Amino acid sequence: MPIKRIITGLFLLGAFLPPIVLLYFSLTSRWPLPDILPVGFDPALWLSIWWGANGLLKATVLSAIIAFPVAFLSTALGFITARALNNSPRREGLMFWALLPFAMSPVILSLCLLYLFLALNLVGSVSGVFLAQMISSFAYAVIFFTAFWSGRARSLEELVYTLGGTTWQAFKGVLIPASIGPLAFCFFQTFLLSWFQYGMPLVIGAGKVQTLPVKVFAFLGEASPHFAAMAGVLLIVPPMLLLWFNRKYLFEDITHAA
């Protein structure tokens, strides 16, 4: 049908046009007025990353060093905490505190935590940014797995206990294998929360923790659109790779687990 093809074409255009535009901007060196688009095709601009002059390599590595541990720890802790939360008689009250960090803007949350982090001497440090991002990512993981533990997982756990199994046997033999999809999905989501985070590195990092999102806005403020485009390309590559790697979990396993 023509309408279906048009909608599909618009969807594909919206999905692929921004990365293509960013890549095009990152491969050009000049943008003279009154030209609408930049000119001066120069692939050698990407070599500047390895020279370290623009700080993009360092920012990429730093973002990865923060995002991967945040995603792993928040997913693991959220998985266990959500189980305990579902079994608690004060579940409703505790859920409010779990929702609070995730419901707030990262900048507002960072400002609320700023005094505490100043007292702990964590402002302007990688560890401070890591802990700040853990708060919001952990809150997301708890909320995500609360629905998971309220459904099929709880029934499976109770079945193992009925058959005489222990908690360790329930986790090792049933719950962990049955939750691979939701765990992968939560890891992917919390990674994105950390990877694209701008407010917390800006406030808690105090301008000293230069992650990729911070670099993007810094280059834009310096009127360096080509370097900003390079940072943007680096920013979207890992999520696209994770999306491709986890595609079989994103839409199927999470539905079955719920």
Protein backbone atom coordinates (compact mmCIF):
# COMPACT_ATOMS: atom_id res chain seq x y z
CA MET A 1 0.00 0.00 0.00
CA PRO A 2 1.33 3.48 -0.87
CA ILE A 3 0.49 4.95 2.56
CA LYS A 4 2.32 2.12 4.32
CA ARG A 5 5.38 2.62 2.09
CA ILE A 6 5.33 6.37 2.71
CA ILE A 7 5.15 5.86 6.48
CA THR A 8 7.96 3.28 6.32
CA GLY A 9 10.05 5.64 4.20
CA LEU A 10 9.51 8.54 6.61
CA PHE A 11 10.42 6.31 9.55
CA LEU A 12 13.63 5.16 7.87
CA LEU A 13 14.45 8.74 6.89
CA GLY A 14 13.96 9.92 10.47
CA ALA A 15 16.07 7.06 11.80
CA PHE A 16 19.03 7.32 9.42
CA LEU A 17 19.12 10.99 8.46
CA PRO A 18 20.56 12.35 11.75
CA PRO A 19 23.55 9.92 11.80
CA ILE A 20 24.22 10.61 8.13
CA VAL A 21 24.12 14.39 8.69
CA LEU A 22 26.45 14.08 11.68
CA LEU A 23 28.87 11.94 9.69
CA TYR A 24 28.79 14.43 6.81
CA PHE A 25 29.52 17.37 9.14
CA SER A 26 32.38 15.43 10.75
CA LEU A 27 34.02 14.88 7.36
CA THR A 28 34.06 18.55 6.35
CA SER A 29 36.49 21.23 7.42
CA ARG A 30 34.88 24.55 6.39
CA TRP A 31 31.46 26.18 6.51
CA PRO A 32 31.76 29.54 4.76
CA LEU A 33 28.85 31.95 4.49
CA PRO A 34 26.45 32.03 2.69
CA ASP A 35 26.70 28.27 1.94
CA ILE A 36 23.85 26.24 3.44
CA LEU A 37 26.02 23.19 4.00
CA PRO A 38 29.67 22.87 5.02
CA VAL A 39 32.30 22.18 2.36
CA GLY A 40 35.86 20.93 2.23
CA PHE A 41 35.66 17.13 2.46
CA ASP A 42 38.50 16.10 4.77
CA PRO A 43 38.49 12.55 6.24
CA ALA A 44 41.81 13.33 7.90
CA LEU A 45 39.89 15.23 10.59
CA TRP A 46 39.20 11.90 12.27
CA LEU A 47 42.93 11.35 12.71
CA SER A 48 42.93 14.21 15.19
CA ILE A 49 41.14 11.90 17.64
CA TRP A 50 44.22 9.72 17.93
CA TRP A 51 46.49 12.72 18.29
CA GLY A 52 44.51 13.68 21.37
CA ALA A 53 44.46 17.37 20.54
CA ASN A 54 40.67 17.73 20.81
CA GLY A 55 40.21 15.38 23.77
CA LEU A 56 37.64 13.19 22.00
CA LEU A 57 39.49 9.92 22.57
CA LYS A 58 39.84 10.64 26.27
CA ALA A 59 36.17 11.67 26.52
CA THR A 60 35.05 8.46 24.75
CA VAL A 61 37.11 6.24 27.02
CA LEU A 62 35.93 8.14 30.10
CA SER A 63 32.27 7.82 29.08
CA ALA A 64 32.73 4.07 28.59
CA ILE A 65 34.55 3.70 31.92
CA ILE A 66 31.57 5.31 33.65
CA ALA A 67 28.67 3.91 31.60
CA PHE A 68 29.52 0.20 31.56
CA PRO A 69 30.03 -0.21 35.35
CA VAL A 70 26.96 1.94 36.04
CA ALA A 71 24.85 -0.25 33.75
CA PHE A 72 26.22 -3.51 35.18
CA LEU A 73 25.90 -2.57 38.86
CA SER A 74 22.53 -0.85 38.58
CA THR A 75 21.10 -3.83 36.67
CA ALA A 76 22.43 -6.38 39.17
CA LEU A 77 21.44 -4.39 42.25
CA GLY A 78 18.07 -3.41 40.78
CA PHE A 79 17.32 -7.06 40.01
CA ILE A 80 17.88 -8.10 43.64
CA THR A 81 16.35 -5.00 45.21
CA ALA A 82 13.14 -5.26 43.18
CA ARG A 83 12.67 -8.82 44.42
CA ALA A 84 13.02 -7.70 48.03
CA LEU A 85 10.73 -4.75 47.38
CA ASN A 86 7.98 -6.97 46.00
CA ASN A 87 8.17 -9.20 49.07
CA SER A 88 8.07 -6.26 51.50
CA PRO A 89 4.83 -5.37 53.32
CA ARG A 90 5.78 -1.68 52.87
CA ARG A 91 6.08 -2.01 49.12
CA GLU A 92 3.96 1.06 48.22
CA GLY A 93 5.90 3.43 50.47
CA LEU A 94 9.27 2.12 49.30
CA MET A 95 8.22 2.43 45.67
CA PHE A 96 7.79 6.18 46.19
CA TRP A 97 11.48 6.51 47.11
CA ALA A 98 12.45 4.34 44.16
CA LEU A 99 10.47 6.55 41.79
CA LEU A 100 11.73 9.85 43.19
CA PRO A 101 15.29 9.93 41.71
CA PHE A 102 14.14 8.68 38.32
CA ALA A 103 11.21 11.11 38.18
CA MET A 104 13.44 14.15 38.77
CA SER A 105 15.43 15.98 36.13
CA PRO A 106 19.10 14.92 36.26
CA VAL A 107 20.16 18.56 36.69
CA ILE A 108 17.73 19.11 39.58
CA LEU A 109 18.76 15.81 41.16
CA SER A 110 22.42 16.80 40.81
CA LEU A 111 21.79 20.17 42.44
CA CYS A 112 19.98 18.43 45.30
CA LEU A 113 22.96 16.11 45.78
CA LEU A 114 25.58 18.81 45.31
CA TYR A 115 25.94 19.74 49.00
CA LEU A 116 26.32 16.09 50.00
CA PHE A 117 28.92 15.48 47.31
CA LEU A 118 30.78 18.64 48.32
CA ALA A 119 30.87 17.40 51.91
CA LEU A 120 32.21 14.04 50.71
CA ASN A 121 34.78 15.79 48.48
CA LEU A 122 33.43 14.02 45.40
CA VAL A 123 32.61 17.04 43.23
CA GLY A 124 34.83 17.27 40.18
CA SER A 125 35.80 13.60 40.30
CA VAL A 126 34.98 10.56 38.17
CA SER A 127 33.88 8.64 41.26
CA GLY A 128 31.43 11.43 42.12
CA VAL A 129 29.88 11.36 38.64
CA PHE A 130 29.74 7.56 38.81
CA LEU A 131 27.89 7.57 42.15
CA ALA A 132 25.49 10.30 40.99
CA GLN A 133 24.61 8.35 37.84
CA MET A 134 24.20 5.17 39.88
CA ILE A 135 21.36 6.80 41.83
CA SER A 136 19.16 7.46 38.80
CA SER A 137 20.15 4.27 36.94
CA PHE A 138 19.57 2.12 40.03
CA ALA A 139 16.14 3.73 40.49
CA TYR A 140 15.26 2.89 36.88
CA ALA A 141 16.41 -0.72 37.33
CA VAL A 142 14.32 -1.15 40.48
CA ILE A 143 11.21 0.20 38.76
CA PHE A 144 11.84 -1.99 35.71
CA PHE A 145 12.32 -5.22 37.65
CA THR A 146 9.39 -4.56 39.99
CA ALA A 147 7.05 -5.46 37.13
CA PHE A 148 9.27 -8.43 36.28
CA TRP A 149 9.09 -9.89 39.80
CA SER A 150 5.35 -9.32 39.96
CA GLY A 151 4.71 -11.62 37.02
CA ARG A 152 6.06 -14.89 35.72
CA ALA A 153 9.30 -14.76 37.73
CA ARG A 154 7.49 -14.84 41.05
CA SER A 155 5.42 -17.83 39.95
CA LEU A 156 8.58 -19.69 38.85
CA GLU A 157 10.30 -18.95 42.16
CA GLU A 158 7.32 -20.20 44.16
CA LEU A 159 7.22 -23.35 42.01
CA VAL A 160 10.87 -24.12 42.81
CA TYR A 161 10.18 -23.74 46.54
CA THR A 162 7.12 -25.99 46.24
CA LEU A 163 9.32 -28.69 44.72
CA GLY A 164 11.80 -28.41 47.61
CA GLY A 165 14.40 -26.20 45.96
CA THR A 166 16.52 -23.61 47.76
CA THR A 167 16.88 -19.91 46.97
CA TRP A 168 20.27 -20.55 45.34
CA GLN A 169 18.82 -23.34 43.19
CA ALA A 170 15.91 -21.10 42.21
CA PHE A 171 18.25 -18.31 41.07
CA LYS A 172 20.88 -20.50 39.42
CA GLY A 173 18.64 -23.03 37.70
CA VAL A 174 15.49 -21.07 36.90
CA LEU A 175 15.37 -17.34 37.55
CA ILE A 176 18.67 -16.23 36.00
CA PRO A 177 18.23 -18.30 32.78
CA ALA A 178 14.61 -17.10 32.51
CA SER A 179 15.59 -13.45 32.97
CA ILE A 180 18.43 -13.14 30.44
CA GLY A 181 16.25 -11.04 28.15
CA PRO A 182 15.06 -8.56 30.81
CA LEU A 183 18.58 -8.32 32.25
CA ALA A 184 20.01 -7.51 28.83
CA PHE A 185 17.26 -4.98 28.19
CA CYS A 186 17.81 -3.26 31.54
CA PHE A 187 21.57 -3.20 30.98
CA PHE A 188 21.01 -1.58 27.60
CA GLN A 189 18.66 1.04 29.02
CA THR A 190 20.82 1.94 32.01
CA PHE A 191 23.84 2.14 29.74
CA LEU A 192 21.99 4.67 27.62
CA LEU A 193 20.97 6.64 30.72
CA SER A 194 24.61 6.95 31.70
CA TRP A 195 26.12 7.29 28.23
CA PHE A 196 23.91 10.21 27.20
CA GLN A 197 23.93 11.86 30.63
CA TYR A 198 24.82 15.54 30.46
CA GLY A 199 23.43 17.15 33.62
CA MET A 200 25.26 15.08 36.22
CA PRO A 201 28.74 15.27 34.64
CA LEU A 202 28.18 19.01 34.24
CA VAL A 203 27.05 19.68 37.84
CA ILE A 204 28.79 16.96 39.87
CA GLY A 205 31.76 16.84 37.51
CA ALA A 206 32.11 20.64 37.79
CA GLY A 207 33.51 20.84 34.26
CA LYS A 208 36.44 18.57 35.13
CA VAL A 209 34.85 15.29 34.04
CA GLN A 210 34.70 15.76 30.27
CA THR A 211 32.40 13.00 28.99
CA LEU A 212 31.21 12.89 25.39
CA PRO A 213 27.90 14.76 25.98
CA VAL A 214 29.83 17.49 27.79
CA LYS A 215 32.26 17.64 24.88
CA VAL A 216 29.44 18.00 22.35
CA PHE A 217 28.06 21.09 24.07
CA ALA A 218 31.55 22.45 24.69
CA PHE A 219 32.37 22.28 20.97
CA LEU A 220 29.05 23.90 20.10
CA GLY A 221 29.82 26.71 22.54
CA GLU A 222 33.22 27.13 20.93
CA ALA A 223 31.62 27.31 17.45
CA SER A 224 33.34 24.09 16.36
CA PRO A 225 30.51 22.25 14.55
CA HIS A 226 32.84 19.76 12.89
CA PHE A 227 34.33 18.56 16.19
CA ALA A 228 30.83 18.58 17.72
CA ALA A 229 29.65 16.35 14.86
CA MET A 230 32.58 13.99 15.45
CA ALA A 231 31.66 13.78 19.13
CA GLY A 232 28.04 13.17 18.12
CA VAL A 233 29.03 10.29 15.85
CA LEU A 234 31.09 8.72 18.64
CA LEU A 235 28.15 9.23 20.97
CA ILE A 236 25.66 7.26 18.86
CA VAL A 237 27.90 4.39 17.69
CA PRO A 238 27.95 2.28 20.93
CA PRO A 239 24.17 2.47 21.45
CA MET A 240 23.60 1.41 17.84
CA LEU A 241 25.94 -1.55 18.32
CA LEU A 242 24.19 -2.52 21.56
CA LEU A 243 20.81 -2.21 19.86
CA TRP A 244 21.94 -4.57 17.11
CA PHE A 245 23.43 -7.01 19.63
CA ASN A 246 20.32 -7.09 21.84
CA ARG A 247 17.66 -6.90 19.13
CA LYS A 248 16.27 -10.37 19.92
CA TYR A 249 15.75 -9.40 23.57
CA LEU A 250 14.27 -5.94 23.17
CA PHE A 251 10.86 -6.93 21.86
CA GLU A 252 10.40 -10.63 22.50
CA ASP A 253 11.93 -11.88 25.73
CA ILE A 254 10.89 -8.89 27.78
CA THR A 255 7.26 -9.46 26.74
CA HIS A 256 7.39 -13.17 27.60
CA ALA A 257 9.01 -12.46 30.98
CA ALA A 258 6.28 -10.01 31.93
